[in-house]
Amino acid sequence: MSITDLKPEIVWKFFHEVTQVPRPSKKEGKIIAYLEDFARRYNLAIKKDAVGNILISKPATPGYEDRATVILQSHMDMVCEKNNDTVHDFDTEPIETVINGEWLCAKGTTLGADNGIGMAAELALLAADDIEHGPIECLFTVDEETGLTGAKALEKGFMSGEILLNLDSEDEGEIFMGCVGGKGTIAEFTYEPCDTDPALVYFRMDVKGLNGGHSGGEIHKGLGNANKILARFLYLLKRDYRFALCSIDGGNLHNAIAREAHCVIGLSAGDKEKVRVLLNVFAADIENELKRVDPNVTISMESADRPAKCMDTVSAIKLIDALQACPHGVIGMSHDIEGLVETSTNLASVKMKDENKVVVGTSQRSSIESRKEEIANQVGAVFELAGAEVAYGDGYPGWAPNPDSKILKVAQETYHKLFNKDAKIMAIHAGLECGLFLEKYPYLDMISFGPTMRDVHSPNERLLIPTVDLWWEHLLELLKNIPVKA
């Protein structure tokens, strides 16, 4: 069976088409061209703004002309992560989908259901001639995953609707009415490149097998962070042994929990076996700590060729100390919504740049603006104490919950009518574009909902197939019950 045989066929048809178009963040040219061709094929009004956001409009079906205009919104770009043993070029190659029981996943890469399934639902609505709805505007934004560029650049007047349905959530049966704000903190270490010592023996250490995942929506799970694990071992190592740190690399994206990290070190030949014992004990501890959430974690040490250069000792120690001290994970829980993470931080990436720099990327989230600033400053202070240059991103605002939302009430009522049970009303510890939309369109009445996905932003990303049909059915019922425009 292929995904085009799944129900509802029209949604899966367009999801398959979306997976065939490369669409990395900041490289959305091909998916923009696809959307422009789609609008021509179906004779629909389309406009594009300066950054590449696309708005495709469709008039009401007969009998629904008096309804309020609804904006349906998703983002075009996808997180591009793959396993180390997977050969795939996200710039040129389509995603290869695999049906595994009730789940749809990809072969060794991210699936791009975040937010390709939202795009597919919009395209299905625009293409169908048998769905009842009022006037709709389908908004497709660029670069949500790495900078929220499209939402930030959206101009006043580009859209005309008063109700916005964000299709970028990941749990069917949950309707979201708020989200956190976020900020990035970047630390840059400068070091002196030194010639490596030919008398030392050199090893590569790898942390692999972690699930990774979304640094907002899955931060509460206590998943392993490869950067933290590697730094933790190097900190133990430096207490008892002298070694040269030749290279270090871990993680990639600011909004993903690091799945893999590695370094190359030089050791005295006489310390080699002692360090192996230390690593074996440490690996056993990590396996025990993560056995419920990351049972496949591995930590290895293999011989490596001698590199030409290493970091100077003082800089290496400062870097290791800072990575050890840098907080990661849940910082505080919400006092307003039970079970919701209020504040968190993610040690996202550690990258050697040029010949004498190491850049550490982190991201912070909170539903309280002052707490977001506080945890960003705490992370920054750790790196400043270690001598790094620290820079803060502009960040993005949260979306404050509105319990009096009219569209929220309609969504609750239609869900109960369809399934004879109540949807959960939630706020999400992840960044949605909704907060940025409110800055330009403060009158918008918004909710966010979607089918069930797991391990997004990692090659384990998967979409629960039966929930797509449930979500689609709810979306159609919701559109039939949109209030008459004021």
Protein backbone atom coordinates (compact mmCIF):
# COMPACT_ATOMS: atom_id res chain seq x y z
CA MET A 1 0.00 0.00 0.00
CA SER A 2 1.20 3.54 -0.78
CA ILE A 3 0.19 6.70 1.02
CA THR A 4 -2.09 7.68 -1.87
CA ASP A 5 -4.29 4.68 -1.01
CA LEU A 6 -4.93 5.96 2.52
CA LYS A 7 -8.06 7.78 3.67
CA PRO A 8 -8.95 10.59 3.16
CA GLU A 9 -7.51 10.12 -0.31
CA ILE A 10 -7.49 13.80 -1.28
CA VAL A 11 -5.38 14.79 1.74
CA TRP A 12 -2.88 11.97 1.26
CA LYS A 13 -2.68 12.72 -2.46
CA PHE A 14 -1.46 16.22 -1.73
CA PHE A 15 0.76 15.15 1.14
CA HIS A 16 2.51 12.79 -1.25
CA GLU A 17 2.94 15.63 -3.74
CA VAL A 18 4.41 17.85 -1.02
CA THR A 19 6.92 15.15 0.00
CA GLN A 20 8.19 15.04 -3.58
CA VAL A 21 9.21 18.71 -3.53
CA PRO A 22 12.45 19.63 -1.69
CA ARG A 23 11.71 22.36 0.87
CA PRO A 24 14.48 22.98 3.39
CA SER A 25 14.17 26.09 5.52
CA LYS A 26 15.39 29.18 3.67
CA LYS A 27 15.33 27.19 0.41
CA GLU A 28 11.61 27.18 -0.34
CA GLY A 29 11.88 28.17 -4.02
CA LYS A 30 10.73 24.79 -5.35
CA ILE A 31 7.70 24.51 -3.07
CA ILE A 32 6.75 28.12 -3.86
CA ALA A 33 6.85 27.24 -7.57
CA TYR A 34 4.69 24.18 -6.84
CA LEU A 35 2.09 26.36 -5.06
CA GLU A 36 2.07 28.86 -7.90
CA ASP A 37 1.49 26.07 -10.41
CA PHE A 38 -1.24 24.61 -8.16
CA ALA A 39 -3.11 27.93 -8.14
CA ARG A 40 -2.91 28.11 -11.94
CA ARG A 41 -4.17 24.53 -12.31
CA TYR A 42 -7.22 25.21 -10.15
CA ASN A 43 -7.79 28.78 -11.36
CA LEU A 44 -7.46 30.25 -7.86
CA ALA A 45 -6.41 33.75 -6.81
CA ILE A 46 -2.86 33.82 -5.47
CA LYS A 47 -0.48 36.43 -4.19
CA LYS A 48 3.09 36.33 -2.93
CA ASP A 49 4.84 38.82 -0.68
CA ALA A 50 8.45 39.98 -0.65
CA VAL A 51 9.78 37.06 1.46
CA GLY A 52 7.85 34.34 -0.37
CA ASN A 53 4.73 33.85 1.76
CA ILE A 54 1.86 32.60 -0.41
CA LEU A 55 -1.86 33.33 0.01
CA ILE A 56 -4.33 31.36 -2.12
CA SER A 57 -8.00 32.36 -1.87
CA LYS A 58 -11.19 30.51 -2.68
CA PRO A 59 -14.75 31.89 -2.59
CA ALA A 60 -17.52 30.40 -0.50
CA THR A 61 -19.55 27.47 -1.73
CA PRO A 62 -23.24 28.21 -2.42
CA GLY A 63 -25.18 28.98 0.76
CA TYR A 64 -22.10 29.92 2.79
CA GLU A 65 -21.39 33.35 1.33
CA ASP A 66 -22.40 35.10 4.56
CA ARG A 67 -19.83 33.30 6.73
CA ALA A 68 -16.76 34.97 8.18
CA THR A 69 -13.60 34.53 6.12
CA VAL A 70 -11.33 31.85 7.55
CA ILE A 71 -7.55 31.82 7.16
CA LEU A 72 -6.02 28.33 7.19
CA GLN A 73 -2.29 28.44 7.85
CA SER A 74 0.71 26.13 7.66
CA HIS A 75 4.41 26.59 6.94
CA MET A 76 6.16 25.38 3.80
CA ASP A 77 9.58 24.47 5.17
CA MET A 78 10.64 21.31 6.96
CA VAL A 79 13.39 20.33 9.37
CA CYS A 80 16.06 18.41 7.44
CA GLU A 81 17.65 15.79 9.68
CA LYS A 82 18.95 12.36 8.69
CA ASN A 83 20.79 9.45 10.24
CA ASN A 84 24.54 9.39 9.72
CA ASP A 85 24.30 6.27 7.57
CA THR A 86 21.56 7.75 5.33
CA VAL A 87 22.56 9.23 2.00
CA HIS A 88 20.06 11.94 1.13
CA ASP A 89 20.26 15.43 -0.38
CA PHE A 90 17.38 17.50 1.02
CA ASP A 91 18.02 20.21 -1.58
CA THR A 92 17.31 17.97 -4.55
CA GLU A 93 15.73 14.66 -3.49
CA PRO A 94 12.16 13.80 -2.46
CA ILE A 95 11.30 12.25 0.88
CA GLU A 96 10.89 8.47 0.73
CA THR A 97 7.88 7.56 2.86
CA VAL A 98 7.33 4.21 4.60
CA ILE A 99 4.11 2.82 6.10
CA ASN A 100 4.87 0.97 9.34
CA GLY A 101 1.62 -0.37 10.75
CA GLU A 102 -0.52 2.64 11.71
CA TRP A 103 2.40 5.05 11.40
CA LEU A 104 3.86 6.84 8.40
CA CYS A 105 7.57 7.63 8.59
CA ALA A 106 10.47 8.31 6.24
CA LYS A 107 13.45 6.20 5.29
CA GLY A 108 16.29 7.50 7.46
CA THR A 109 15.20 11.16 7.35
CA THR A 110 12.68 13.52 8.82
CA LEU A 111 9.24 12.99 7.29
CA GLY A 112 8.23 16.64 6.94
CA ALA A 113 4.71 16.04 8.24
CA ASP A 114 5.64 19.08 10.29
CA ASN A 115 4.07 20.96 8.54
CA GLY A 116 3.53 19.16 5.24
CA ILE A 117 0.32 17.57 6.47
CA GLY A 118 -1.05 21.04 7.22
CA MET A 119 -0.16 22.10 3.69
CA ALA A 120 -1.87 18.99 2.32
CA ALA A 121 -5.12 19.78 4.13
CA GLU A 122 -5.13 23.31 2.75
CA LEU A 123 -4.44 22.10 -0.77
CA ALA A 124 -7.20 19.50 -0.47
CA LEU A 125 -9.71 22.17 0.56
CA LEU A 126 -8.66 24.41 -2.29
CA ALA A 127 -8.85 21.62 -4.88
CA ALA A 128 -12.10 19.95 -3.77
CA ASP A 129 -15.45 20.81 -5.32
CA ASP A 130 -17.63 18.91 -2.82
CA ILE A 131 -16.73 20.55 0.52
CA GLU A 132 -19.01 23.13 2.12
CA HIS A 133 -17.27 26.24 3.45
CA GLY A 134 -17.39 30.00 3.58
CA PRO A 135 -14.69 32.21 2.04
CA ILE A 136 -11.24 30.81 2.79
CA GLU A 137 -7.70 32.10 2.52
CA CYS A 138 -4.88 29.58 2.66
CA LEU A 139 -1.63 31.03 3.99
CA PHE A 140 1.67 29.20 3.44
CA THR A 141 4.59 30.80 5.28
CA VAL A 142 8.33 30.41 4.71
CA ASP A 143 11.15 29.58 7.11
CA GLU A 144 9.16 28.79 10.22
CA GLU A 145 11.65 26.26 11.52
CA THR A 146 14.84 28.33 11.58
CA GLY A 147 13.72 31.91 12.01
CA LEU A 148 9.93 32.41 11.73
CA THR A 149 10.96 34.67 8.86
CA GLY A 150 7.68 34.47 6.99
CA ALA A 151 5.50 35.25 9.99
CA LYS A 152 7.77 38.09 11.08
CA ALA A 153 7.73 39.69 7.62
CA LEU A 154 3.99 39.26 7.01
CA GLU A 155 2.58 42.69 6.17
CA LYS A 156 -0.66 44.24 7.31
CA GLY A 157 -3.39 43.83 4.72
CA PHE A 158 -1.96 40.69 3.12
CA MET A 159 -4.85 38.68 4.61
CA SER A 160 -8.47 39.71 5.15
CA GLY A 161 -9.89 36.97 7.37
CA GLU A 162 -10.85 37.39 11.03
CA ILE A 163 -10.51 33.73 12.06
CA LEU A 164 -7.25 31.80 11.75
CA LEU A 165 -6.88 28.03 11.96
CA ASN A 166 -3.23 27.11 12.47
CA LEU A 167 -2.64 23.53 11.27
CA ASP A 168 0.74 23.03 12.95
CA SER A 169 -0.08 21.05 16.10
CA GLU A 170 0.80 17.45 16.84
CA ASP A 171 -1.89 15.74 18.92
CA GLU A 172 -5.31 14.86 17.53
CA GLY A 173 -8.05 15.61 20.03
CA GLU A 174 -6.19 18.57 21.48
CA ILE A 175 -7.06 22.13 20.54
CA PHE A 176 -4.43 24.71 21.33
CA MET A 177 -5.27 28.27 22.32
CA GLY A 178 -1.82 29.57 23.25
CA CYS A 179 1.91 29.00 22.88
CA VAL A 180 5.20 30.13 24.38
CA GLY A 181 7.61 32.76 23.15
CA GLY A 182 11.20 31.91 22.30
CA LYS A 183 14.70 33.32 22.02
CA GLY A 184 18.11 32.14 20.88
CA THR A 185 21.40 32.63 22.72
CA ILE A 186 24.67 32.10 20.83
CA ALA A 187 28.12 31.83 22.44
CA GLU A 188 31.35 32.12 20.46
CA PHE A 189 34.63 30.87 21.89
CA THR A 190 37.94 31.92 20.35
CA TYR A 191 40.95 29.64 20.85
CA GLU A 192 44.56 29.32 19.78
CA PRO A 193 45.11 26.46 17.29
CA CYS A 194 48.10 24.40 18.41
CA ASP A 195 50.09 21.70 16.65
CA THR A 196 49.16 18.25 17.86
CA ASP A 197 51.72 16.16 19.76
CA PRO A 198 52.97 13.12 17.81
CA ALA A 199 53.67 11.37 21.12
CA LEU A 200 49.95 11.17 21.93
CA VAL A 201 47.46 8.61 20.68
CA TYR A 202 44.21 9.92 19.23
CA PHE A 203 40.63 8.75 19.61
CA ARG A 204 37.20 9.70 18.36
CA MET A 205 34.37 9.57 20.89
CA ASP A 206 30.79 9.33 19.65
CA VAL A 207 27.43 9.69 21.35
CA LYS A 208 24.73 8.15 19.13
CA GLY A 209 21.39 6.39 19.13
CA LEU A 210 19.38 9.08 20.90
CA ASN A 211 15.86 9.82 19.76
CA GLY A 212 16.23 13.59 19.66
CA GLY A 213 13.02 15.45 18.97
CA HIS A 214 11.35 18.83 19.26
CA SER A 215 13.05 21.05 21.81
CA GLY A 216 9.70 22.53 22.81
CA GLY A 217 6.98 19.94 22.53
CA GLU A 218 9.18 17.07 23.78
CA ILE A 219 11.46 18.83 26.25
CA HIS A 220 9.44 17.47 29.20
CA LYS A 221 10.25 13.85 28.31
CA GLY A 222 13.78 13.98 29.70
CA LEU A 223 15.29 12.77 26.44
CA GLY A 224 19.05 12.51 26.24
CA ASN A 225 20.99 15.44 24.78
CA ALA A 226 24.15 14.29 23.02
CA ASN A 227 25.92 17.60 23.63
CA LYS A 228 25.32 17.39 27.37
CA ILE A 229 26.38 13.74 27.52
CA LEU A 230 29.62 14.37 25.66
CA ALA A 231 30.42 17.46 27.75
CA ARG A 232 29.69 15.51 30.91
CA PHE A 233 32.24 12.86 30.01
CA LEU A 234 34.88 15.38 28.97
CA TYR A 235 34.40 17.16 32.29
CA LEU A 236 35.00 13.88 34.16
CA LEU A 237 38.01 13.18 31.95
CA LYS A 238 39.72 16.53 32.57
CA ARG A 239 39.62 16.09 36.34
CA ASP A 240 42.06 13.18 36.27
CA TYR A 241 43.78 13.17 32.88
CA ARG A 242 45.57 15.58 30.60
CA PHE A 243 44.34 15.44 27.02
CA ALA A 244 44.19 17.49 23.86
CA LEU A 245 40.79 18.46 22.46
CA CYS A 246 41.19 18.46 18.68
CA SER A 247 37.61 18.79 17.51
CA ILE A 248 34.06 18.76 18.83
CA ASP A 249 30.74 18.72 17.02
CA GLY A 250 27.18 18.02 18.11
CA GLY A 251 23.58 18.79 17.21
CA ASN A 252 22.36 20.94 14.35
CA LEU A 253 19.13 22.89 14.75
CA HIS A 254 18.14 25.30 17.50
CA ASN A 255 14.71 23.66 17.84
CA ALA A 256 15.91 20.05 17.98
CA ILE A 257 17.34 18.11 20.92
CA ALA A 258 20.81 16.96 19.86
CA ARG A 259 20.81 13.28 18.83
CA GLU A 260 24.50 12.86 18.04
CA ALA A 261 27.80 14.42 19.09
CA HIS A 262 31.46 13.52 18.72
CA CYS A 263 34.93 14.77 19.53
CA VAL A 264 38.53 13.83 18.79
CA ILE A 265 41.02 13.85 21.67
CA GLY A 266 44.69 13.04 22.15
CA LEU A 267 45.79 10.99 25.17
CA SER A 268 48.99 9.70 26.63
CA ALA A 269 49.41 6.07 25.58
CA GLY A 270 49.71 5.11 29.24
CA ASP A 271 46.25 6.55 30.00
CA LYS A 272 44.44 4.83 27.14
CA GLU A 273 43.14 1.80 29.01
CA LYS A 274 42.21 3.77 32.12
CA VAL A 275 40.17 6.16 30.01
CA ARG A 276 38.43 3.24 28.32
CA VAL A 277 37.43 1.92 31.73
CA LEU A 278 36.19 5.37 32.74
CA LEU A 279 34.16 5.58 29.53
CA ASN A 280 32.65 2.12 30.03
CA VAL A 281 31.51 3.01 33.55
CA PHE A 282 30.15 6.34 32.33
CA ALA A 283 28.32 4.69 29.41
CA ALA A 284 26.68 2.22 31.79
CA ASP A 285 25.49 5.11 33.96
CA ILE A 286 24.01 6.93 30.97
CA GLU A 287 22.32 3.78 29.68
CA ASN A 288 20.75 3.28 33.08
CA GLU A 289 19.61 6.88 33.35
CA LEU A 290 18.02 6.89 29.90
CA LYS A 291 16.76 3.31 29.69
CA ARG A 292 13.10 4.38 29.69
CA VAL A 293 13.37 7.21 27.17
CA ASP A 294 16.47 6.56 25.05
CA PRO A 295 17.21 2.84 25.28
CA ASN A 296 19.41 2.81 22.16
CA VAL A 297 22.01 5.31 23.30
CA THR A 298 25.63 4.28 22.62
CA ILE A 299 28.89 5.92 23.63
CA SER A 300 31.99 4.68 21.84
CA MET A 301 35.72 5.37 21.63
CA GLU A 302 37.66 4.40 18.53
CA SER A 303 41.22 5.04 17.35
CA ALA A 304 41.60 8.04 15.05
CA ASP A 305 44.27 9.52 12.83
CA ARG A 306 46.31 12.30 14.35
CA PRO A 307 44.76 15.69 13.43
CA ALA A 308 47.02 18.58 12.49
CA LYS A 309 45.69 20.97 15.14
CA CYS A 310 44.06 21.03 18.56
CA MET A 311 42.64 23.69 20.87
CA ASP A 312 44.93 25.35 23.37
CA THR A 313 44.47 23.76 26.79
CA VAL A 314 43.06 26.80 28.62
CA SER A 315 40.37 27.40 25.97
CA ALA A 316 39.44 23.72 25.84
CA ILE A 317 38.93 23.61 29.60
CA LYS A 318 36.80 26.77 29.55
CA LEU A 319 34.64 25.33 26.77
CA ILE A 320 34.16 22.01 28.57
CA ASP A 321 33.35 23.74 31.87
CA ALA A 322 30.79 25.99 30.16
CA LEU A 323 29.08 23.09 28.36
CA GLN A 324 28.94 21.16 31.63
CA ALA A 325 27.44 24.16 33.47
CA CYS A 326 25.01 25.22 30.74
CA PRO A 327 21.45 24.29 31.78
CA HIS A 328 19.32 22.13 29.54
CA GLY A 329 15.74 20.94 29.84
CA VAL A 330 12.71 22.02 31.85
CA ILE A 331 13.38 25.04 34.06
CA GLY A 332 9.88 25.59 35.43
CA MET A 333 6.29 24.34 35.16
CA SER A 334 3.23 26.52 34.59
CA HIS A 335 1.23 27.68 37.60
CA ASP A 336 -1.77 28.38 35.35
CA ILE A 337 -2.14 25.19 33.29
CA GLU A 338 -1.47 21.90 35.06
CA GLY A 339 1.17 19.75 33.39
CA LEU A 340 2.36 22.48 30.98
CA VAL A 341 6.04 23.37 30.83
CA GLU A 342 6.42 27.09 31.47
CA THR A 343 10.13 27.63 30.81
CA SER A 344 12.86 25.54 29.19
CA THR A 345 16.23 25.77 27.48
CA ASN A 346 17.97 23.61 24.88
CA LEU A 347 21.73 23.14 24.39
CA ALA A 348 21.22 22.70 20.67
CA SER A 349 24.56 22.69 18.88
CA VAL A 350 28.33 22.85 19.28
CA LYS A 351 30.23 23.64 16.08
CA MET A 352 33.84 24.40 15.22
CA LYS A 353 33.96 27.32 12.79
CA ASP A 354 36.87 28.70 10.76
CA GLU A 355 40.24 27.80 12.30
CA ASN A 356 39.92 29.22 15.79
CA LYS A 357 36.28 29.42 16.86
CA VAL A 358 33.69 27.19 18.52
CA VAL A 359 30.07 28.37 18.30
CA VAL A 360 27.48 27.06 20.77
CA GLY A 361 23.80 27.45 19.90
CA THR A 362 21.04 27.38 22.49
CA SER A 363 17.34 28.25 22.53
CA GLN A 364 15.02 29.31 25.33
CA ARG A 365 11.22 29.18 25.59
CA SER A 366 8.69 30.46 28.11
CA SER A 367 5.04 31.40 28.37
CA ILE A 368 6.12 34.32 30.59
CA GLU A 369 8.18 36.98 28.83
CA SER A 370 10.25 37.89 31.90
CA ARG A 371 11.13 34.24 32.52
CA LYS A 372 12.21 33.84 28.90
CA GLU A 373 14.59 36.75 29.34
CA GLU A 374 15.81 35.42 32.68
CA ILE A 375 16.74 31.96 31.40
CA ALA A 376 18.38 33.45 28.31
CA ASN A 377 20.45 35.68 30.59
CA GLN A 378 21.35 32.72 32.80
CA VAL A 379 22.62 30.76 29.81
CA GLY A 380 24.46 33.82 28.55
CA ALA A 381 26.09 34.39 31.94
CA VAL A 382 27.48 30.84 31.98
CA PHE A 383 29.26 31.42 28.69
CA GLU A 384 30.37 34.94 29.55
CA LEU A 385 32.03 33.62 32.72
CA ALA A 386 33.94 31.21 30.48
CA GLY A 387 35.18 34.07 28.30
CA ALA A 388 32.88 33.61 25.31
CA GLU A 389 31.27 36.38 23.28
CA VAL A 390 27.49 36.10 23.72
CA ALA A 391 24.77 37.33 21.36
CA TYR A 392 21.00 37.17 21.80
CA GLY A 393 18.44 36.80 19.04
CA ASP A 394 15.38 39.00 18.74
CA GLY A 395 13.12 36.09 19.63
CA TYR A 396 9.41 35.88 19.03
CA PRO A 397 6.35 36.56 21.18
CA GLY A 398 4.08 34.05 22.80
CA TRP A 399 0.38 33.70 22.08
CA ALA A 400 -1.64 34.45 25.21
CA PRO A 401 -4.62 32.09 25.69
CA ASN A 402 -8.07 33.58 25.10
CA PRO A 403 -10.63 31.42 26.93
CA ASP A 404 -13.45 33.60 25.47
CA SER A 405 -12.50 32.75 21.87
CA LYS A 406 -15.57 32.19 19.69
CA ILE A 407 -13.78 29.85 17.28
CA LEU A 408 -12.51 27.83 20.24
CA LYS A 409 -16.10 27.33 21.39
CA VAL A 410 -17.19 26.23 17.90
CA ALA A 411 -14.24 23.84 17.69
CA GLN A 412 -15.16 22.31 21.06
CA GLU A 413 -18.81 21.90 20.10
CA THR A 414 -18.11 20.36 16.69
CA TYR A 415 -15.56 17.94 18.12
CA HIS A 416 -18.02 16.71 20.75
CA LYS A 417 -20.78 16.43 18.14
CA LEU A 418 -18.60 14.27 15.89
CA PHE A 419 -16.91 12.00 18.42
CA ASN A 420 -19.14 12.18 21.52
CA LYS A 421 -16.22 13.22 23.70
CA ASP A 422 -14.54 16.45 24.66
CA ALA A 423 -11.38 17.72 23.04
CA LYS A 424 -8.61 18.77 25.39
CA ILE A 425 -8.06 22.52 25.45
CA MET A 426 -4.36 23.22 25.77
CA ALA A 427 -1.52 25.66 25.46
CA ILE A 428 1.68 24.30 23.90
CA HIS A 429 5.30 24.63 24.98
CA ALA A 430 6.45 25.27 21.46
CA GLY A 431 6.64 28.26 19.20
CA LEU A 432 3.78 28.77 16.78
CA GLU A 433 3.51 31.63 14.33
CA CYS A 434 0.26 32.78 15.94
CA GLY A 435 1.91 35.24 18.32
CA LEU A 436 3.57 37.02 15.41
CA PHE A 437 0.30 37.14 13.46
CA LEU A 438 -1.33 38.93 16.38
CA GLU A 439 1.25 41.72 16.20
CA LYS A 440 0.04 42.64 12.69
CA TYR A 441 -3.58 41.41 13.02
CA PRO A 442 -4.55 41.94 16.68
CA TYR A 443 -8.23 41.14 16.02
CA LEU A 444 -7.59 37.54 14.88
CA ASP A 445 -9.50 34.79 16.66
CA MET A 446 -7.24 31.72 16.50
CA ILE A 447 -6.84 28.09 17.41
CA SER A 448 -4.29 25.45 16.42
CA PHE A 449 -4.94 21.75 15.86
CA GLY A 450 -3.55 18.83 13.91
CA PRO A 451 -3.14 15.03 13.68
CA THR A 452 -0.86 13.05 15.96
CA MET A 453 2.88 13.14 15.28
CA ARG A 454 5.84 11.93 17.29
CA ASP A 455 9.59 12.66 17.34
CA VAL A 456 9.32 15.59 14.97
CA HIS A 457 12.61 17.29 14.05
CA SER A 458 14.33 13.89 14.06
CA PRO A 459 14.66 10.97 11.62
CA ASN A 460 12.22 9.11 13.89
CA GLU A 461 9.45 11.58 12.96
CA ARG A 462 6.22 9.71 12.32
CA LEU A 463 2.56 10.49 11.68
CA LEU A 464 -0.29 8.41 13.11
CA ILE A 465 -2.31 7.57 10.01
CA PRO A 466 -5.83 7.10 11.54
CA THR A 467 -5.68 10.52 13.22
CA VAL A 468 -5.41 12.29 9.88
CA ASP A 469 -8.93 11.16 8.99
CA LEU A 470 -10.27 12.26 12.41
CA TRP A 471 -8.57 15.65 12.15
CA TRP A 472 -9.81 16.16 8.59
CA GLU A 473 -13.38 15.25 9.57
CA HIS A 474 -13.22 17.78 12.40
CA LEU A 475 -11.80 20.46 10.12
CA LEU A 476 -14.63 20.00 7.61
CA GLU A 477 -17.29 20.12 10.33
CA LEU A 478 -15.70 23.22 11.79
CA LEU A 479 -15.73 24.99 8.42
CA LYS A 480 -19.43 24.18 8.01
CA ASN A 481 -20.16 25.86 11.36
CA ILE A 482 -18.16 29.07 11.01
CA PRO A 483 -20.21 31.98 12.36
CA VAL A 484 -21.88 34.51 10.09
CA LYS A 485 -19.58 37.49 9.52
CA ALA A 486 -20.28 40.53 11.66
